[in-house]
Amino acid sequence: MPATLSHEVRYRLLKYLADHPEASQRELARELGVSVGKVNYCLRALMEKGWIKARNFRNSNHKAAYLYVLTPKGIEEKVNVTSAFLRRKLDEYNLLQKEIEQLRLEVSQLDTATAGK
């Protein structure tokens, strides 16, 4: 994968492709908040790694389009990247919970200090 592709974008790209294999590159770019060029580059990298296959099909507008299908290796990578993403989000959640508790304590102490004046 490109070094510029964050773990979150890689997670979101694999998840979106798994759920929407008929997505266009423009749709993927809009959904991920990246350029169409970056999506094209990433899709090529995913194909080179053997994580997806692109198959031609005709969409309802009678234009040639691609269907992006996760391969067994791609499904395995999706599981790995989803697990890593979940771990990061849980770590962020736990840190945020601690920070919220510290802020509540600080506000409580400030309320107590100002109430006595």
N, C-alpha and C. Protein backbone atom coordinates (compact mmCIF):
# COMPACT_ATOMS: atom_id res chain seq x y z
N MET A 1 0.85 -1.18 0.00
CA MET A 1 0.00 0.00 0.00
C MET A 1 0.88 1.23 0.00
N PRO A 2 0.39 2.30 -0.59
CA PRO A 2 1.16 3.53 -0.58
C PRO A 2 1.40 4.01 0.84
N ALA A 3 2.59 4.56 1.08
CA ALA A 3 2.93 5.05 2.40
C ALA A 3 2.01 6.19 2.82
N THR A 4 1.46 6.93 1.85
CA THR A 4 0.60 8.07 2.16
C THR A 4 -0.82 7.64 2.52
N LEU A 5 -1.14 6.38 2.38
CA LEU A 5 -2.48 5.90 2.68
C LEU A 5 -2.54 5.51 4.15
N SER A 6 -3.32 6.26 4.92
CA SER A 6 -3.42 5.98 6.35
C SER A 6 -4.14 4.66 6.58
N HIS A 7 -3.96 4.12 7.77
CA HIS A 7 -4.63 2.88 8.13
C HIS A 7 -6.14 3.06 8.06
N GLU A 8 -6.61 4.24 8.46
CA GLU A 8 -8.05 4.48 8.44
C GLU A 8 -8.59 4.50 7.01
N VAL A 9 -7.87 5.15 6.09
CA VAL A 9 -8.31 5.18 4.70
C VAL A 9 -8.27 3.77 4.11
N ARG A 10 -7.22 3.01 4.42
CA ARG A 10 -7.14 1.63 3.92
C ARG A 10 -8.31 0.81 4.46
N TYR A 11 -8.62 0.97 5.74
CA TYR A 11 -9.78 0.27 6.34
C TYR A 11 -11.06 0.68 5.61
N ARG A 12 -11.27 1.99 5.47
CA ARG A 12 -12.49 2.48 4.85
C ARG A 12 -12.60 2.05 3.39
N LEU A 13 -11.47 2.03 2.67
CA LEU A 13 -11.47 1.62 1.26
C LEU A 13 -11.85 0.14 1.14
N LEU A 14 -11.22 -0.72 1.90
CA LEU A 14 -11.54 -2.16 1.84
C LEU A 14 -12.98 -2.42 2.27
N LYS A 15 -13.43 -1.73 3.31
CA LYS A 15 -14.80 -1.91 3.79
C LYS A 15 -15.79 -1.45 2.72
N TYR A 16 -15.54 -0.28 2.14
CA TYR A 16 -16.46 0.24 1.14
C TYR A 16 -16.51 -0.67 -0.09
N LEU A 17 -15.35 -1.16 -0.52
CA LEU A 17 -15.32 -2.06 -1.67
C LEU A 17 -16.05 -3.37 -1.36
N ALA A 18 -15.90 -3.87 -0.15
CA ALA A 18 -16.59 -5.11 0.23
C ALA A 18 -18.11 -4.91 0.20
N ASP A 19 -18.56 -3.72 0.63
CA ASP A 19 -19.99 -3.43 0.68
C ASP A 19 -20.54 -2.91 -0.64
N HIS A 20 -19.68 -2.28 -1.46
CA HIS A 20 -20.11 -1.67 -2.72
C HIS A 20 -19.12 -2.00 -3.85
N PRO A 21 -19.07 -3.24 -4.28
CA PRO A 21 -18.08 -3.62 -5.30
C PRO A 21 -18.27 -2.89 -6.63
N GLU A 22 -19.46 -2.36 -6.86
CA GLU A 22 -19.74 -1.68 -8.12
C GLU A 22 -19.41 -0.19 -8.07
N ALA A 23 -18.85 0.28 -6.96
CA ALA A 23 -18.56 1.70 -6.79
C ALA A 23 -17.58 2.20 -7.84
N SER A 24 -17.84 3.41 -8.33
CA SER A 24 -16.92 4.03 -9.28
C SER A 24 -15.77 4.66 -8.50
N GLN A 25 -14.70 4.96 -9.22
CA GLN A 25 -13.57 5.62 -8.55
C GLN A 25 -13.98 6.98 -8.03
N ARG A 26 -14.84 7.67 -8.75
CA ARG A 26 -15.32 8.99 -8.30
C ARG A 26 -16.12 8.85 -6.99
N GLU A 27 -16.96 7.83 -6.94
CA GLU A 27 -17.74 7.58 -5.72
C GLU A 27 -16.82 7.23 -4.55
N LEU A 28 -15.83 6.39 -4.81
CA LEU A 28 -14.86 6.03 -3.76
C LEU A 28 -14.11 7.28 -3.26
N ALA A 29 -13.70 8.13 -4.19
CA ALA A 29 -12.98 9.35 -3.82
C ALA A 29 -13.85 10.23 -2.94
N ARG A 30 -15.09 10.40 -3.33
CA ARG A 30 -16.03 11.23 -2.54
C ARG A 30 -16.24 10.62 -1.15
N GLU A 31 -16.44 9.33 -1.11
CA GLU A 31 -16.71 8.64 0.16
C GLU A 31 -15.52 8.72 1.11
N LEU A 32 -14.29 8.61 0.56
CA LEU A 32 -13.09 8.57 1.38
C LEU A 32 -12.47 9.95 1.61
N GLY A 33 -12.94 10.94 0.85
CA GLY A 33 -12.40 12.28 1.01
C GLY A 33 -10.99 12.42 0.44
N VAL A 34 -10.71 11.70 -0.64
CA VAL A 34 -9.41 11.77 -1.31
C VAL A 34 -9.66 12.03 -2.80
N SER A 35 -8.60 12.31 -3.55
CA SER A 35 -8.74 12.58 -4.98
C SER A 35 -9.00 11.28 -5.76
N VAL A 36 -9.57 11.45 -6.95
CA VAL A 36 -9.79 10.30 -7.83
C VAL A 36 -8.44 9.68 -8.21
N GLY A 37 -7.43 10.52 -8.41
CA GLY A 37 -6.10 10.01 -8.73
C GLY A 37 -5.55 9.12 -7.62
N LYS A 38 -5.77 9.53 -6.37
CA LYS A 38 -5.30 8.72 -5.25
C LYS A 38 -6.06 7.40 -5.18
N VAL A 39 -7.37 7.45 -5.44
CA VAL A 39 -8.16 6.21 -5.45
C VAL A 39 -7.63 5.28 -6.53
N ASN A 40 -7.37 5.82 -7.72
CA ASN A 40 -6.84 5.01 -8.82
C ASN A 40 -5.53 4.36 -8.41
N TYR A 41 -4.64 5.15 -7.83
CA TYR A 41 -3.34 4.65 -7.37
C TYR A 41 -3.52 3.55 -6.32
N CYS A 42 -4.42 3.77 -5.38
CA CYS A 42 -4.65 2.79 -4.31
C CYS A 42 -5.27 1.51 -4.86
N LEU A 43 -6.21 1.64 -5.78
CA LEU A 43 -6.82 0.45 -6.36
C LEU A 43 -5.79 -0.38 -7.12
N ARG A 44 -4.91 0.29 -7.84
CA ARG A 44 -3.84 -0.43 -8.54
C ARG A 44 -2.93 -1.16 -7.54
N ALA A 45 -2.63 -0.49 -6.43
CA ALA A 45 -1.79 -1.11 -5.40
C ALA A 45 -2.50 -2.32 -4.79
N LEU A 46 -3.81 -2.20 -4.55
CA LEU A 46 -4.57 -3.33 -4.01
C LEU A 46 -4.57 -4.50 -4.99
N MET A 47 -4.67 -4.19 -6.28
CA MET A 47 -4.64 -5.25 -7.30
C MET A 47 -3.26 -5.91 -7.36
N GLU A 48 -2.21 -5.10 -7.28
CA GLU A 48 -0.85 -5.65 -7.30
C GLU A 48 -0.59 -6.56 -6.10
N LYS A 49 -1.17 -6.22 -4.95
CA LYS A 49 -1.01 -7.05 -3.76
C LYS A 49 -1.90 -8.29 -3.83
N GLY A 50 -2.81 -8.33 -4.80
CA GLY A 50 -3.71 -9.47 -4.93
C GLY A 50 -4.89 -9.41 -3.98
N TRP A 51 -5.21 -8.22 -3.47
CA TRP A 51 -6.31 -8.07 -2.52
C TRP A 51 -7.65 -7.84 -3.19
N ILE A 52 -7.63 -7.30 -4.41
CA ILE A 52 -8.86 -7.11 -5.17
C ILE A 52 -8.62 -7.50 -6.62
N LYS A 53 -9.74 -7.81 -7.30
CA LYS A 53 -9.73 -8.03 -8.73
C LYS A 53 -10.76 -7.07 -9.32
N ALA A 54 -10.43 -6.51 -10.46
CA ALA A 54 -11.37 -5.64 -11.16
C ALA A 54 -11.95 -6.42 -12.33
N ARG A 55 -13.26 -6.43 -12.38
CA ARG A 55 -13.94 -7.14 -13.47
C ARG A 55 -14.81 -6.14 -14.22
N ASN A 56 -14.83 -6.25 -15.53
CA ASN A 56 -15.67 -5.38 -16.35
C ASN A 56 -17.13 -5.81 -16.22
N PHE A 57 -18.01 -4.82 -16.23
CA PHE A 57 -19.44 -5.09 -16.33
C PHE A 57 -20.08 -3.85 -16.94
N ARG A 58 -21.31 -3.98 -17.34
CA ARG A 58 -22.02 -2.83 -17.90
C ARG A 58 -23.02 -2.35 -16.84
N ASN A 59 -22.96 -1.04 -16.59
CA ASN A 59 -23.90 -0.50 -15.60
C ASN A 59 -25.18 -0.09 -16.31
N SER A 60 -26.14 0.45 -15.56
CA SER A 60 -27.46 0.76 -16.10
C SER A 60 -27.42 1.87 -17.14
N ASN A 61 -26.35 2.67 -17.17
CA ASN A 61 -26.24 3.73 -18.16
C ASN A 61 -25.56 3.25 -19.44
N HIS A 62 -25.39 1.95 -19.60
CA HIS A 62 -24.77 1.33 -20.76
C HIS A 62 -23.32 1.78 -20.96
N LYS A 63 -22.65 2.07 -19.89
CA LYS A 63 -21.24 2.43 -19.94
C LYS A 63 -20.45 1.28 -19.32
N ALA A 64 -19.27 1.05 -19.85
CA ALA A 64 -18.42 0.02 -19.26
C ALA A 64 -17.97 0.51 -17.89
N ALA A 65 -17.97 -0.37 -16.93
CA ALA A 65 -17.55 -0.02 -15.57
C ALA A 65 -16.84 -1.23 -14.98
N TYR A 66 -16.34 -1.06 -13.78
CA TYR A 66 -15.63 -2.14 -13.11
C TYR A 66 -16.36 -2.56 -11.85
N LEU A 67 -16.19 -3.81 -11.54
CA LEU A 67 -16.67 -4.38 -10.30
C LEU A 67 -15.42 -4.76 -9.52
N TYR A 68 -15.23 -4.18 -8.35
CA TYR A 68 -14.03 -4.45 -7.54
C TYR A 68 -14.37 -5.51 -6.51
N VAL A 69 -13.78 -6.68 -6.66
CA VAL A 69 -14.09 -7.83 -5.81
C VAL A 69 -12.89 -8.15 -4.93
N LEU A 70 -13.14 -8.26 -3.63
CA LEU A 70 -12.07 -8.66 -2.72
C LEU A 70 -11.74 -10.13 -2.95
N THR A 71 -10.47 -10.43 -3.03
CA THR A 71 -9.99 -11.80 -3.17
C THR A 71 -9.92 -12.41 -1.77
N PRO A 72 -9.67 -13.71 -1.65
CA PRO A 72 -9.48 -14.28 -0.31
C PRO A 72 -8.37 -13.56 0.47
N LYS A 73 -7.27 -13.19 -0.23
CA LYS A 73 -6.21 -12.43 0.44
C LYS A 73 -6.73 -11.06 0.87
N GLY A 74 -7.58 -10.46 0.04
CA GLY A 74 -8.16 -9.16 0.37
C GLY A 74 -9.09 -9.24 1.56
N ILE A 75 -9.84 -10.31 1.65
CA ILE A 75 -10.74 -10.51 2.80
C ILE A 75 -9.92 -10.68 4.07
N GLU A 76 -8.82 -11.43 3.97
CA GLU A 76 -7.93 -11.61 5.11
C GLU A 76 -7.34 -10.27 5.55
N GLU A 77 -6.91 -9.46 4.58
CA GLU A 77 -6.36 -8.14 4.91
C GLU A 77 -7.43 -7.25 5.52
N LYS A 78 -8.66 -7.35 5.03
CA LYS A 78 -9.77 -6.56 5.59
C LYS A 78 -9.97 -6.92 7.05
N VAL A 79 -9.90 -8.20 7.37
CA VAL A 79 -10.02 -8.65 8.77
C VAL A 79 -8.89 -8.06 9.60
N ASN A 80 -7.66 -8.13 9.07
CA ASN A 80 -6.50 -7.59 9.81
C ASN A 80 -6.61 -6.09 10.02
N VAL A 81 -6.95 -5.37 8.96
CA VAL A 81 -7.01 -3.91 9.08
C VAL A 81 -8.21 -3.49 9.94
N THR A 82 -9.29 -4.25 9.91
CA THR A 82 -10.45 -3.95 10.76
C THR A 82 -10.09 -4.17 12.23
N SER A 83 -9.38 -5.25 12.53
CA SER A 83 -8.95 -5.51 13.91
C SER A 83 -8.02 -4.41 14.41
N ALA A 84 -7.07 -4.01 13.57
CA ALA A 84 -6.13 -2.95 13.96
C ALA A 84 -6.87 -1.63 14.15
N PHE A 85 -7.82 -1.34 13.28
CA PHE A 85 -8.60 -0.11 13.37
C PHE A 85 -9.42 -0.11 14.67
N LEU A 86 -10.03 -1.25 14.99
CA LEU A 86 -10.81 -1.36 16.22
C LEU A 86 -9.92 -1.15 17.44
N ARG A 87 -8.74 -1.75 17.46
CA ARG A 87 -7.82 -1.56 18.59
C ARG A 87 -7.46 -0.09 18.77
N ARG A 88 -7.15 0.58 17.66
CA ARG A 88 -6.80 2.02 17.74
C ARG A 88 -7.97 2.83 18.27
N LYS A 89 -9.16 2.54 17.79
CA LYS A 89 -10.35 3.30 18.23
C LYS A 89 -10.65 3.03 19.70
N LEU A 90 -10.47 1.80 20.15
CA LEU A 90 -10.68 1.48 21.57
C LEU A 90 -9.66 2.20 22.44
N ASP A 91 -8.41 2.25 21.99
CA ASP A 91 -7.38 2.99 22.72
C ASP A 91 -7.74 4.47 22.81
N GLU A 92 -8.18 5.04 21.67
CA GLU A 92 -8.60 6.44 21.66
C GLU A 92 -9.78 6.66 22.62
N TYR A 93 -10.73 5.74 22.60
CA TYR A 93 -11.91 5.83 23.46
C TYR A 93 -11.51 5.80 24.93
N ASN A 94 -10.63 4.88 25.29
CA ASN A 94 -10.19 4.78 26.68
C ASN A 94 -9.45 6.04 27.13
N LEU A 95 -8.59 6.58 26.27
CA LEU A 95 -7.89 7.82 26.59
C LEU A 95 -8.88 8.97 26.74
N LEU A 96 -9.86 9.01 25.88
CA LEU A 96 -10.87 10.06 25.94
C LEU A 96 -11.70 9.95 27.22
N GLN A 97 -12.03 8.75 27.62
CA GLN A 97 -12.76 8.55 28.88
C GLN A 97 -11.96 9.09 30.06
N LYS A 98 -10.66 8.81 30.10
CA LYS A 98 -9.81 9.31 31.18
C LYS A 98 -9.75 10.83 31.17
N GLU A 99 -9.62 11.40 29.98
CA GLU A 99 -9.56 12.86 29.86
C GLU A 99 -10.87 13.50 30.31
N ILE A 100 -11.98 12.91 29.96
CA ILE A 100 -13.29 13.42 30.38
C ILE A 100 -13.41 13.37 31.89
N GLU A 101 -12.99 12.26 32.49
CA GLU A 101 -13.06 12.14 33.94
C GLU A 101 -12.18 13.20 34.62
N GLN A 102 -10.99 13.44 34.08
CA GLN A 102 -10.11 14.47 34.64
C GLN A 102 -10.74 15.86 34.50
N LEU A 103 -11.36 16.12 33.38
CA LEU A 103 -12.02 17.41 33.18
C LEU A 103 -13.21 17.59 34.12
N ARG A 104 -13.96 16.54 34.34
CA ARG A 104 -15.10 16.60 35.28
C ARG A 104 -14.60 16.91 36.69
N LEU A 105 -13.51 16.26 37.07
CA LEU A 105 -12.93 16.51 38.38
C LEU A 105 -12.46 17.95 38.50
N GLU A 106 -11.80 18.44 37.46
CA GLU A 106 -11.31 19.82 37.44
C GLU A 106 -12.47 20.82 37.54
N VAL A 107 -13.54 20.58 36.78
CA VAL A 107 -14.70 21.46 36.83
C VAL A 107 -15.33 21.42 38.22
N SER A 108 -15.43 20.24 38.80
CA SER A 108 -15.99 20.10 40.15
C SER A 108 -15.16 20.88 41.16
N GLN A 109 -13.83 20.76 41.06
CA GLN A 109 -12.94 21.48 41.98
C GLN A 109 -13.06 22.99 41.78
N LEU A 110 -13.17 23.43 40.54
CA LEU A 110 -13.32 24.86 40.27
C LEU A 110 -14.67 25.37 40.78
N ASP A 111 -15.73 24.58 40.62
CA ASP A 111 -17.04 24.97 41.14
C ASP A 111 -17.00 25.12 42.65
N THR A 112 -16.33 24.17 43.32
CA THR A 112 -16.22 24.19 44.78
C THR A 112 -15.41 25.42 45.23
N ALA A 113 -14.34 25.70 44.52
CA ALA A 113 -13.47 26.84 44.88
C ALA A 113 -14.18 28.16 44.66
N THR A 114 -14.94 28.28 43.59
CA THR A 114 -15.64 29.56 43.31
C THR A 114 -16.90 29.72 44.15
N ALA A 115 -17.48 28.62 44.61
CA ALA A 115 -18.70 28.70 45.44
C ALA A 115 -18.36 29.26 46.82
N GLY A 116 -17.15 29.06 47.28
CA GLY A 116 -16.75 29.53 48.59
C GLY A 116 -16.42 31.02 48.61
N LYS A 117 -16.38 31.69 47.47
CA LYS A 117 -16.00 33.10 47.42
C LYS A 117 -17.18 34.00 47.47
